[in-house]
Amino acid sequence: MLFNSLEFFATFFCVVLLYYMIPRRTQWGYLLAVSYLYYLQTSSQYAILLLFSTVVTWGAARWLECHKKGRKSCLTVCIVMHIGILVFFKYSQWLLDSVQAVSNRLSWGIVMPEFTLLAPVGISFYIFKVVGYMIDVYRGKISAERNLGKYALFVSFFPQIVSGPIERSYNFLPQMEKGHYFNYDTVKNGFLIFLWGLLKKIVIADRLALLVDQVFNNVAEYNTPAYIIAMLFFAMQIYFDFAGYSDMAIGVAEMLGIATVKNFDRPYFAKSVGEFWRRWHMSLSTWFRDYLYIPLGGNRVSKTRWAMNTMIVFLASGLWHGSNWTFFVWGALHGIYQVIGKFTRKGKDKVLEIIRLKKESQFYGILATGITFVLVTYAWMFFRANTIHDALWITKSLIVWDFAGFDVWSLGMGKQDFIFSIVLIIGWFVIEAVQGKVYLRTWLQERCLPIRWGIYLLIMFTCIMFGIYGDLAASSFIYFQF
């Protein structure tokens, strides 16, 4: 049941209504039932796997808290088990296909079996949740949750189970210790956040997908300007799609009185790739920082070791996103960007000193933001490409430019939608530029009632009139595949 479907709107209205009518001490149990029903509707055949992971990590965390000996072995076994589950369901076929490809190229005569298993929905997200929880208990950062039901709700909480954000237990579980009263302002604010995300998804992201899918699914039919436009549009599409989902998940949780972690902070205004990752998919970035990068030594090691740690983190991040070599290259590119940036920092500072350009200047900020956006957009091309061959084909075209016979109206998007998309993107970046100085939500709350509700109704009207519905069928979110 997709957040952008009419089915979800109707169902969630009933969920919220009953949530605030039942006794507060039973609300967490009600949400647990709703979360499992939601998961059963989404991925019924793998609900038992979700339950198994929940029970095992809950029991292991309790054991870690009560024993001094064997703690490291227990933690290691649980982590290896869960990473193994993730690898089996998500990467088995890809690994077998890769071995088969090598065998065919080298004429080894090996015939690898084929799996028909589909990866359980949300497995990448809830596996990272439970692994992070166990490590936090092991480190003594949090106490193990005594109540299995409340812990099960943390793992399966329905707004986050499919595509995050990757919530931390120390933020979520304490909120289950108290009931939640109905509060008009809280519910209204949650609905507005949800509506904001819905606008990003169905009005902008799904409209951009018309052109992006046409070009990337038919690479050989186009040339350089088509690829440039498709790359730029995909950079926007994935942002509005995923940020839209995150807003909807955060909004749904807030309507239930539950505060969740922030996942995006104007990432395309970053002045470096490192800063981009502090603003993009923040719950995943901080997870890799806390549970992989820092344990590897972080930046408290030699430059060579730091470069190795950085590459490991970004290669892992790339593979986390999908079982395809395109994701591996995407992660590698971001790691390379970081390493080159680190090793050339002194030289860059020297050049800036020679040309007397200060980092605090507006011109430097615009220049650095532009360069970062170009680097990130090029990496996104590998993320979206169907195969490495397609990505290399596009890369070659970007080096040896070919404009012959280009027709912008042959890219799968009509003239009106194309112009409207450009206007929407520019308008949104103006809003985000302002958001850096003025928090629009607070500003809006300070306006008089006619202005506030005029804007609310305008957003709703825009979603209804300009949303892309695909013959009334809600389109899936990009991150659902991860």
Protein backbone atom coordinates (compact mmCIF):
# COMPACT_ATOMS: atom_id res chain seq x y z
CA MET A 1 0.00 0.00 0.00
CA LEU A 2 1.83 3.08 -1.27
CA PHE A 3 1.71 6.37 0.63
CA ASN A 4 0.65 8.15 -2.57
CA SER A 5 -2.40 5.93 -3.12
CA LEU A 6 -6.05 6.70 -2.37
CA GLU A 7 -6.20 3.38 -0.52
CA PHE A 8 -3.59 4.59 1.95
CA PHE A 9 -5.32 7.95 2.50
CA ALA A 10 -8.60 6.27 3.41
CA THR A 11 -6.98 3.58 5.57
CA PHE A 12 -4.70 5.94 7.45
CA PHE A 13 -7.57 8.30 8.26
CA CYS A 14 -9.28 5.40 10.04
CA VAL A 15 -5.99 4.38 11.73
CA VAL A 16 -5.47 7.86 13.20
CA LEU A 17 -9.09 8.19 14.26
CA LEU A 18 -9.01 4.93 16.22
CA TYR A 19 -5.49 5.59 17.55
CA TYR A 20 -6.62 8.63 19.51
CA MET A 21 -9.83 6.94 20.71
CA ILE A 22 -8.28 3.89 22.38
CA PRO A 23 -6.64 3.98 25.86
CA ARG A 24 -3.17 5.51 25.69
CA ARG A 25 -1.50 2.52 27.36
CA THR A 26 -2.61 0.32 24.45
CA GLN A 27 -1.55 2.67 21.63
CA TRP A 28 1.83 1.02 21.08
CA GLY A 29 0.16 -2.39 20.75
CA TYR A 30 -2.32 -0.97 18.28
CA LEU A 31 0.52 0.51 16.19
CA LEU A 32 2.35 -2.83 16.30
CA ALA A 33 -0.72 -4.59 14.90
CA VAL A 34 -1.14 -1.91 12.22
CA SER A 35 2.56 -2.16 11.30
CA TYR A 36 2.46 -5.94 10.86
CA LEU A 37 -0.79 -5.76 8.90
CA TYR A 38 0.85 -3.16 6.65
CA TYR A 39 3.90 -5.38 6.15
CA LEU A 40 1.74 -8.44 5.51
CA GLN A 41 -0.08 -6.48 2.82
CA THR A 42 3.25 -5.41 1.31
CA SER A 43 5.40 -8.53 1.68
CA SER A 44 3.32 -11.27 3.31
CA GLN A 45 5.64 -14.16 2.46
CA TYR A 46 8.51 -12.62 4.43
CA ALA A 47 6.74 -11.39 7.57
CA ILE A 48 8.08 -14.45 9.39
CA LEU A 49 11.63 -13.32 8.57
CA LEU A 50 10.90 -9.89 10.07
CA LEU A 51 9.55 -11.56 13.19
CA PHE A 52 12.54 -13.91 13.41
CA SER A 53 15.01 -11.02 13.16
CA THR A 54 13.09 -9.11 15.81
CA VAL A 55 12.96 -11.94 18.34
CA VAL A 56 16.60 -12.96 17.84
CA THR A 57 18.03 -9.45 18.23
CA TRP A 58 15.75 -8.64 21.17
CA GLY A 59 16.90 -11.77 23.01
CA ALA A 60 20.55 -11.28 22.07
CA ALA A 61 20.49 -7.66 23.29
CA ARG A 62 19.02 -8.78 26.63
CA TRP A 63 21.80 -11.37 26.88
CA LEU A 64 24.47 -8.79 26.05
CA GLU A 65 23.24 -6.58 28.87
CA CYS A 66 23.20 -9.34 31.47
CA HIS A 67 26.54 -11.06 30.76
CA LYS A 68 30.15 -10.00 30.79
CA LYS A 69 31.73 -13.01 29.10
CA GLY A 70 31.13 -13.92 25.47
CA ARG A 71 29.53 -10.57 24.65
CA LYS A 72 31.73 -9.91 21.63
CA SER A 73 31.13 -13.39 20.24
CA CYS A 74 27.37 -13.02 20.66
CA LEU A 75 27.37 -9.65 18.92
CA THR A 76 29.56 -10.97 16.10
CA VAL A 77 27.34 -14.02 15.50
CA CYS A 78 24.20 -11.85 15.36
CA ILE A 79 25.74 -9.31 13.01
CA VAL A 80 27.15 -11.99 10.69
CA MET A 81 23.78 -13.78 10.73
CA HIS A 82 21.86 -10.67 9.72
CA ILE A 83 24.35 -9.50 7.13
CA GLY A 84 24.25 -13.06 5.80
CA ILE A 85 20.45 -12.90 5.53
CA LEU A 86 20.76 -9.62 3.67
CA VAL A 87 23.39 -11.00 1.30
CA PHE A 88 21.44 -14.20 0.64
CA PHE A 89 18.17 -12.52 -0.28
CA LYS A 90 19.54 -9.44 -1.99
CA TYR A 91 22.82 -10.45 -3.60
CA SER A 92 22.78 -14.22 -4.25
CA GLN A 93 21.56 -14.02 -7.83
CA TRP A 94 23.82 -11.08 -8.64
CA LEU A 95 26.88 -12.92 -7.30
CA LEU A 96 25.96 -16.05 -9.25
CA ASP A 97 25.38 -14.02 -12.41
CA SER A 98 28.77 -12.32 -11.97
CA VAL A 99 30.52 -15.69 -11.62
CA GLN A 100 28.62 -16.97 -14.67
CA ALA A 101 29.70 -13.93 -16.70
CA VAL A 102 33.35 -14.47 -15.78
CA SER A 103 33.03 -18.20 -16.57
CA ASN A 104 31.54 -17.45 -19.98
CA ARG A 105 34.24 -14.90 -20.82
CA LEU A 106 37.07 -17.23 -19.76
CA SER A 107 35.39 -20.39 -21.18
CA TRP A 108 35.46 -22.23 -17.86
CA GLY A 109 32.25 -24.11 -18.63
CA ILE A 110 30.70 -23.41 -15.23
CA VAL A 111 26.89 -23.31 -15.12
CA MET A 112 25.57 -21.47 -12.08
CA PRO A 113 22.05 -22.14 -10.68
CA GLU A 114 19.33 -19.49 -10.77
CA PHE A 115 17.33 -18.24 -7.80
CA THR A 116 13.81 -16.93 -8.14
CA LEU A 117 13.65 -15.42 -4.65
CA LEU A 118 12.54 -11.82 -4.37
CA ALA A 119 14.21 -9.71 -1.69
CA PRO A 120 11.86 -9.02 1.23
CA VAL A 121 10.49 -5.47 1.16
CA GLY A 122 12.44 -3.16 3.45
CA ILE A 123 15.06 -5.75 4.40
CA SER A 124 17.98 -3.33 3.92
CA PHE A 125 16.36 -0.85 6.29
CA TYR A 126 15.24 -3.08 9.14
CA ILE A 127 18.46 -5.14 9.09
CA PHE A 128 20.43 -1.93 9.63
CA LYS A 129 18.00 -0.92 12.38
CA VAL A 130 18.49 -4.10 14.41
CA VAL A 131 22.25 -4.23 13.85
CA GLY A 132 22.60 -0.63 15.02
CA TYR A 133 20.43 -1.37 18.05
CA MET A 134 22.57 -4.35 19.10
CA ILE A 135 25.80 -2.39 18.72
CA ASP A 136 24.37 0.44 20.85
CA VAL A 137 23.44 -2.05 23.59
CA TYR A 138 26.90 -3.66 23.37
CA ARG A 139 28.57 -0.27 23.73
CA GLY A 140 26.39 0.60 26.71
CA LYS A 141 24.89 3.56 24.91
CA ILE A 142 21.36 2.33 25.59
CA SER A 143 19.69 -0.25 27.80
CA ALA A 144 18.15 -3.30 26.17
CA GLU A 145 14.40 -2.97 25.73
CA ARG A 146 12.53 -5.27 28.15
CA ASN A 147 9.23 -5.24 26.28
CA LEU A 148 9.40 -7.45 23.17
CA GLY A 149 6.27 -5.84 21.73
CA LYS A 150 7.64 -2.31 21.94
CA TYR A 151 10.91 -3.43 20.42
CA ALA A 152 8.98 -5.18 17.64
CA LEU A 153 7.19 -1.89 16.96
CA PHE A 154 10.55 -0.10 16.71
CA VAL A 155 11.70 -2.60 14.07
CA SER A 156 8.46 -2.74 12.09
CA PHE A 157 7.02 0.80 12.48
CA PHE A 158 5.03 1.03 9.27
CA PRO A 159 5.97 4.55 8.05
CA GLN A 160 9.66 3.50 8.05
CA ILE A 161 9.69 -0.24 7.36
CA VAL A 162 9.75 0.04 3.56
CA SER A 163 12.18 2.91 2.86
CA GLY A 164 13.30 4.41 6.13
CA PRO A 165 14.46 6.73 7.54
CA ILE A 166 16.67 4.35 9.54
CA GLU A 167 15.47 5.25 13.01
CA ARG A 168 17.63 4.93 16.13
CA SER A 169 16.23 3.07 19.11
CA TYR A 170 17.25 5.76 21.61
CA ASN A 171 15.03 8.22 19.77
CA PHE A 172 12.04 5.95 19.16
CA LEU A 173 11.67 3.62 22.16
CA PRO A 174 11.39 6.30 24.89
CA GLN A 175 8.39 7.71 23.03
CA MET A 176 6.61 4.38 23.51
CA GLU A 177 6.71 4.77 27.28
CA LYS A 178 3.96 7.36 27.22
CA GLY A 179 0.63 7.65 25.47
CA HIS A 180 -0.19 10.36 22.99
CA TYR A 181 -3.10 12.74 23.28
CA PHE A 182 -4.80 14.16 20.25
CA ASN A 183 -3.30 17.56 19.50
CA TYR A 184 -4.71 19.56 16.61
CA ASP A 185 -1.47 21.40 15.87
CA THR A 186 0.59 18.20 15.87
CA VAL A 187 -1.79 16.39 13.54
CA LYS A 188 -2.09 19.41 11.27
CA ASN A 189 1.69 19.89 11.08
CA GLY A 190 2.16 16.18 10.33
CA PHE A 191 -0.42 16.39 7.57
CA LEU A 192 1.31 19.42 6.04
CA ILE A 193 4.67 17.62 6.04
CA PHE A 194 2.96 14.64 4.39
CA LEU A 195 1.30 16.93 1.83
CA TRP A 196 4.66 18.60 1.11
CA GLY A 197 6.18 15.19 0.41
CA LEU A 198 3.24 14.16 -1.74
CA LEU A 199 3.75 17.27 -3.87
CA LYS A 200 7.41 16.38 -4.37
CA LYS A 201 6.52 12.84 -5.40
CA ILE A 202 3.49 13.01 -7.69
CA VAL A 203 3.87 16.50 -9.14
CA ILE A 204 7.64 16.72 -9.65
CA ALA A 205 9.40 13.34 -9.35
CA ASP A 206 6.85 11.31 -11.31
CA ARG A 207 6.71 13.97 -14.03
CA LEU A 208 10.50 13.95 -14.39
CA ALA A 209 10.40 10.13 -14.61
CA LEU A 210 8.64 10.37 -17.98
CA LEU A 211 11.79 11.73 -19.62
CA VAL A 212 14.33 9.93 -17.44
CA ASP A 213 12.87 6.47 -18.07
CA GLN A 214 12.57 7.06 -21.81
CA VAL A 215 16.22 8.05 -22.23
CA PHE A 216 17.86 5.61 -19.79
CA ASN A 217 15.82 2.67 -21.06
CA ASN A 218 16.75 3.44 -24.68
CA VAL A 219 20.29 4.73 -24.42
CA ALA A 220 21.39 3.79 -27.93
CA GLU A 221 18.65 5.94 -29.49
CA TYR A 222 19.88 9.26 -28.10
CA ASN A 223 22.95 11.48 -28.02
CA THR A 224 24.82 13.95 -25.82
CA PRO A 225 22.21 16.67 -25.11
CA ALA A 226 19.57 14.02 -24.36
CA TYR A 227 21.91 12.36 -21.86
CA ILE A 228 22.73 15.68 -20.18
CA ILE A 229 19.05 16.55 -19.78
CA ALA A 230 18.21 13.03 -18.53
CA MET A 231 21.07 13.14 -16.00
CA LEU A 232 19.98 16.51 -14.68
CA PHE A 233 16.36 15.39 -14.51
CA PHE A 234 17.31 12.17 -12.70
CA ALA A 235 19.33 14.11 -10.12
CA MET A 236 16.14 16.04 -9.45
CA GLN A 237 13.86 13.01 -9.70
CA ILE A 238 15.67 10.90 -7.12
CA TYR A 239 15.84 13.85 -4.74
CA PHE A 240 12.16 14.72 -4.97
CA ASP A 241 11.15 11.05 -4.94
CA PHE A 242 13.14 10.03 -1.88
CA ALA A 243 12.84 13.30 0.00
CA GLY A 244 9.13 13.16 -0.78
CA TYR A 245 8.86 9.67 0.74
CA SER A 246 10.86 10.76 3.80
CA ASP A 247 8.57 13.75 4.31
CA MET A 248 5.51 11.52 4.05
CA ALA A 249 6.96 9.01 6.54
CA ILE A 250 7.89 11.80 8.96
CA GLY A 251 4.47 13.39 8.51
CA VAL A 252 2.61 10.13 9.14
CA ALA A 253 4.64 9.55 12.32
CA GLU A 254 4.03 13.11 13.52
CA MET A 255 0.27 12.73 13.02
CA LEU A 256 0.59 9.83 15.48
CA GLY A 257 2.53 12.03 17.90
CA ILE A 258 5.88 10.35 17.20
CA ALA A 259 8.98 12.40 16.33
CA THR A 260 11.39 10.79 13.85
CA VAL A 261 14.84 11.63 12.52
CA LYS A 262 15.43 14.15 9.74
CA ASN A 263 16.63 12.62 6.48
CA PHE A 264 17.42 15.54 4.12
CA ASP A 265 18.80 19.03 4.54
CA ARG A 266 18.98 20.82 1.16
CA PRO A 267 21.70 18.46 -0.20
CA TYR A 268 22.16 20.22 -3.55
CA PHE A 269 23.35 23.33 -1.74
CA ALA A 270 26.40 21.43 -0.46
CA LYS A 271 29.80 22.95 -1.24
CA SER A 272 31.62 19.60 -1.24
CA VAL A 273 30.82 15.93 -1.71
CA GLY A 274 31.51 15.37 1.98
CA GLU A 275 28.98 18.02 2.88
CA PHE A 276 26.54 16.50 0.40
CA TRP A 277 26.62 13.27 2.38
CA ARG A 278 25.99 15.15 5.61
CA ARG A 279 22.79 16.46 3.99
CA TRP A 280 21.61 13.49 1.86
CA HIS A 281 19.90 10.39 3.35
CA MET A 282 21.23 11.51 6.70
CA SER A 283 19.95 8.48 8.62
CA LEU A 284 22.00 6.15 6.36
CA SER A 285 25.07 8.41 6.31
CA THR A 286 25.18 8.62 10.10
CA TRP A 287 24.62 4.84 10.35
CA PHE A 288 27.68 4.13 8.23
CA ARG A 289 29.63 6.76 10.17
CA ASP A 290 28.77 5.35 13.60
CA TYR A 291 28.85 1.61 12.86
CA LEU A 292 31.46 1.24 10.11
CA TYR A 293 33.60 4.34 9.53
CA ILE A 294 34.43 5.10 13.17
CA PRO A 295 35.10 1.43 14.13
CA LEU A 296 37.51 1.26 11.17
CA GLY A 297 39.43 4.15 12.71
CA GLY A 298 37.66 7.09 11.10
CA ASN A 299 40.01 10.01 10.53
CA ARG A 300 42.23 9.18 13.50
CA VAL A 301 44.58 7.17 11.30
CA SER A 302 47.15 7.79 8.58
CA LYS A 303 46.04 9.31 5.29
CA THR A 304 46.48 5.99 3.49
CA ARG A 305 44.40 4.13 6.07
CA TRP A 306 41.81 6.93 6.03
CA ALA A 307 41.53 6.62 2.24
CA MET A 308 41.02 2.86 2.60
CA ASN A 309 38.37 3.36 5.30
CA THR A 310 36.56 5.90 3.14
CA MET A 311 36.53 3.63 0.12
CA ILE A 312 35.25 0.70 2.20
CA VAL A 313 32.38 2.81 3.54
CA PHE A 314 31.32 4.13 0.14
CA LEU A 315 31.66 0.78 -1.61
CA ALA A 316 29.49 -0.73 1.13
CA SER A 317 27.01 2.12 0.69
CA GLY A 318 26.93 1.51 -3.05
CA LEU A 319 26.25 -2.21 -2.65
CA TRP A 320 23.64 -1.51 0.05
CA HIS A 321 21.63 0.35 -2.58
CA GLY A 322 21.42 -2.54 -4.99
CA SER A 323 22.83 -5.75 -6.43
CA ASN A 324 24.27 -4.32 -9.61
CA TRP A 325 27.77 -3.22 -10.62
CA THR A 326 26.33 0.21 -11.42
CA PHE A 327 25.71 0.81 -7.71
CA PHE A 328 29.21 -0.42 -6.91
CA VAL A 329 30.70 2.13 -9.32
CA TRP A 330 28.40 4.85 -7.96
CA GLY A 331 29.71 4.19 -4.44
CA ALA A 332 33.29 4.01 -5.70
CA LEU A 333 32.96 7.39 -7.41
CA HIS A 334 31.80 9.05 -4.20
CA GLY A 335 34.69 7.45 -2.33
CA ILE A 336 37.14 8.66 -4.97
CA TYR A 337 35.67 12.16 -4.80
CA GLN A 338 36.28 12.21 -1.05
CA VAL A 339 39.83 10.86 -1.29
CA ILE A 340 40.85 13.28 -4.05
CA GLY A 341 39.28 16.16 -2.13
CA LYS A 342 41.29 15.25 0.98
CA PHE A 343 44.62 14.80 -0.79
CA THR A 344 44.29 17.98 -2.87
CA ARG A 345 43.00 20.23 -0.09
CA LYS A 346 46.32 21.96 0.59
CA GLY A 347 46.94 22.53 -3.11
CA LYS A 348 43.44 23.94 -3.57
CA ASP A 349 43.90 26.26 -0.59
CA LYS A 350 47.18 27.45 -2.09
CA VAL A 351 45.52 28.22 -5.42
CA LEU A 352 42.74 30.12 -3.67
CA GLU A 353 45.35 32.12 -1.79
CA ILE A 354 47.21 32.98 -5.00
CA ILE A 355 44.08 34.17 -6.81
CA ARG A 356 42.86 35.86 -3.61
CA LEU A 357 39.55 34.05 -3.50
CA LYS A 358 38.17 33.59 -0.01
CA LYS A 359 36.09 30.56 0.89
CA GLU A 360 33.65 32.87 2.67
CA SER A 361 32.90 34.79 -0.53
CA GLN A 362 29.62 34.34 -2.35
CA PHE A 363 31.38 33.59 -5.64
CA TYR A 364 33.33 30.72 -4.07
CA GLY A 365 30.15 29.34 -2.55
CA ILE A 366 28.37 29.33 -5.92
CA LEU A 367 31.40 27.84 -7.68
CA ALA A 368 31.88 25.08 -5.08
CA THR A 369 28.17 24.25 -5.07
CA GLY A 370 28.13 24.04 -8.87
CA ILE A 371 31.17 21.74 -9.03
CA THR A 372 29.73 19.50 -6.32
CA PHE A 373 26.41 19.27 -8.15
CA VAL A 374 28.15 18.28 -11.41
CA LEU A 375 30.17 15.56 -9.66
CA VAL A 376 27.13 14.19 -7.84
CA THR A 377 25.00 14.29 -11.00
CA TYR A 378 27.60 12.36 -13.00
CA ALA A 379 27.68 9.69 -10.26
CA TRP A 380 23.87 9.54 -10.30
CA MET A 381 24.13 8.50 -13.95
CA PHE A 382 25.70 5.19 -12.87
CA PHE A 383 23.05 4.84 -10.16
CA ARG A 384 20.26 5.09 -12.75
CA ALA A 385 21.85 3.30 -15.71
CA ASN A 386 20.51 -0.19 -16.32
CA THR A 387 23.98 -1.62 -17.02
CA ILE A 388 27.63 -0.62 -16.86
CA HIS A 389 27.65 -0.74 -20.68
CA ASP A 390 24.93 1.93 -20.81
CA ALA A 391 26.79 4.10 -18.31
CA LEU A 392 30.03 3.87 -20.29
CA TRP A 393 28.14 4.60 -23.52
CA ILE A 394 26.81 7.81 -21.97
CA THR A 395 30.23 8.69 -20.56
CA LYS A 396 31.80 8.34 -24.02
CA SER A 397 29.11 10.60 -25.47
CA LEU A 398 29.86 13.21 -22.80
CA ILE A 399 33.52 13.21 -23.89
CA VAL A 400 32.94 13.08 -27.66
CA TRP A 401 29.94 15.36 -28.03
CA ASP A 402 27.28 14.47 -30.56
CA PHE A 403 24.41 16.90 -31.22
CA ALA A 404 23.28 15.51 -34.58
CA GLY A 405 19.52 15.43 -35.02
CA PHE A 406 18.71 16.29 -31.42
CA ASP A 407 15.04 16.96 -30.73
CA VAL A 408 14.12 17.81 -27.14
CA TRP A 409 10.49 16.86 -27.77
CA SER A 410 11.43 13.27 -28.61
CA LEU A 411 12.55 12.48 -25.07
CA GLY A 412 9.24 11.12 -23.81
CA MET A 413 7.89 14.36 -22.36
CA GLY A 414 5.54 16.84 -24.00
CA LYS A 415 6.34 20.53 -24.31
CA GLN A 416 4.01 21.61 -21.52
CA ASP A 417 5.30 19.01 -19.07
CA PHE A 418 8.91 19.88 -19.95
CA ILE A 419 8.45 23.61 -19.36
CA PHE A 420 6.37 22.95 -16.24
CA SER A 421 9.13 20.68 -14.89
CA ILE A 422 11.77 23.38 -15.38
CA VAL A 423 9.54 25.93 -13.62
CA LEU A 424 8.91 23.53 -10.73
CA ILE A 425 12.62 22.78 -10.27
CA ILE A 426 13.60 26.46 -10.32
CA GLY A 427 10.74 27.33 -7.98
CA TRP A 428 11.71 24.61 -5.56
CA PHE A 429 15.34 25.71 -5.42
CA VAL A 430 14.23 29.27 -4.73
CA ILE A 431 12.16 27.92 -1.84
CA GLU A 432 15.10 25.90 -0.51
CA ALA A 433 17.43 28.89 -0.83
CA VAL A 434 15.01 30.90 1.28
CA GLN A 435 14.65 27.94 3.66
CA GLY A 436 18.34 28.33 4.47
CA LYS A 437 17.62 31.72 6.03
CA VAL A 438 13.97 31.51 7.09
CA TYR A 439 12.25 28.36 8.35
CA LEU A 440 9.19 28.41 6.11
CA ARG A 441 7.07 26.26 8.39
CA THR A 442 7.49 28.78 11.23
CA TRP A 443 6.98 31.68 8.85
CA LEU A 444 3.77 30.14 7.56
CA GLN A 445 2.41 29.55 11.05
CA GLU A 446 2.89 33.24 11.79
CA ARG A 447 0.73 34.34 8.83
CA CYS A 448 -2.93 35.15 9.19
CA LEU A 449 -5.50 32.39 8.72
CA PRO A 450 -6.57 33.30 5.12
CA ILE A 451 -2.95 33.27 3.90
CA ARG A 452 -2.15 29.99 5.70
CA TRP A 453 -5.15 28.14 4.40
CA GLY A 454 -4.80 29.69 1.00
CA ILE A 455 -1.35 28.13 0.72
CA TYR A 456 -2.57 24.81 2.13
CA LEU A 457 -5.38 24.66 -0.41
CA LEU A 458 -3.03 25.68 -3.22
CA ILE A 459 -0.74 22.73 -2.42
CA MET A 460 -3.69 20.33 -2.36
CA PHE A 461 -5.05 21.76 -5.61
CA THR A 462 -1.62 21.39 -7.25
CA CYS A 463 -1.38 17.74 -6.17
CA ILE A 464 -4.87 16.97 -7.51
CA MET A 465 -4.61 18.88 -10.78
CA PHE A 466 -0.95 18.37 -11.73
CA GLY A 467 -0.06 15.05 -10.13
CA ILE A 468 1.08 12.19 -12.38
CA TYR A 469 -1.11 9.23 -11.48
CA GLY A 470 -0.37 6.68 -14.22
CA ASP A 471 -4.00 5.93 -15.05
CA LEU A 472 -4.95 6.38 -11.39
CA ALA A 473 -2.39 3.80 -10.19
CA ALA A 474 0.09 5.11 -7.61
CA SER A 475 3.70 4.81 -8.80
CA SER A 476 6.27 3.16 -6.56
CA PHE A 477 9.09 5.03 -4.86
CA ILE A 478 12.64 4.58 -6.16
CA TYR A 479 14.01 3.47 -2.78
CA PHE A 480 11.44 0.68 -2.45
CA GLN A 481 13.84 -1.54 -4.40
CA PHE A 482 16.51 -1.18 -1.75
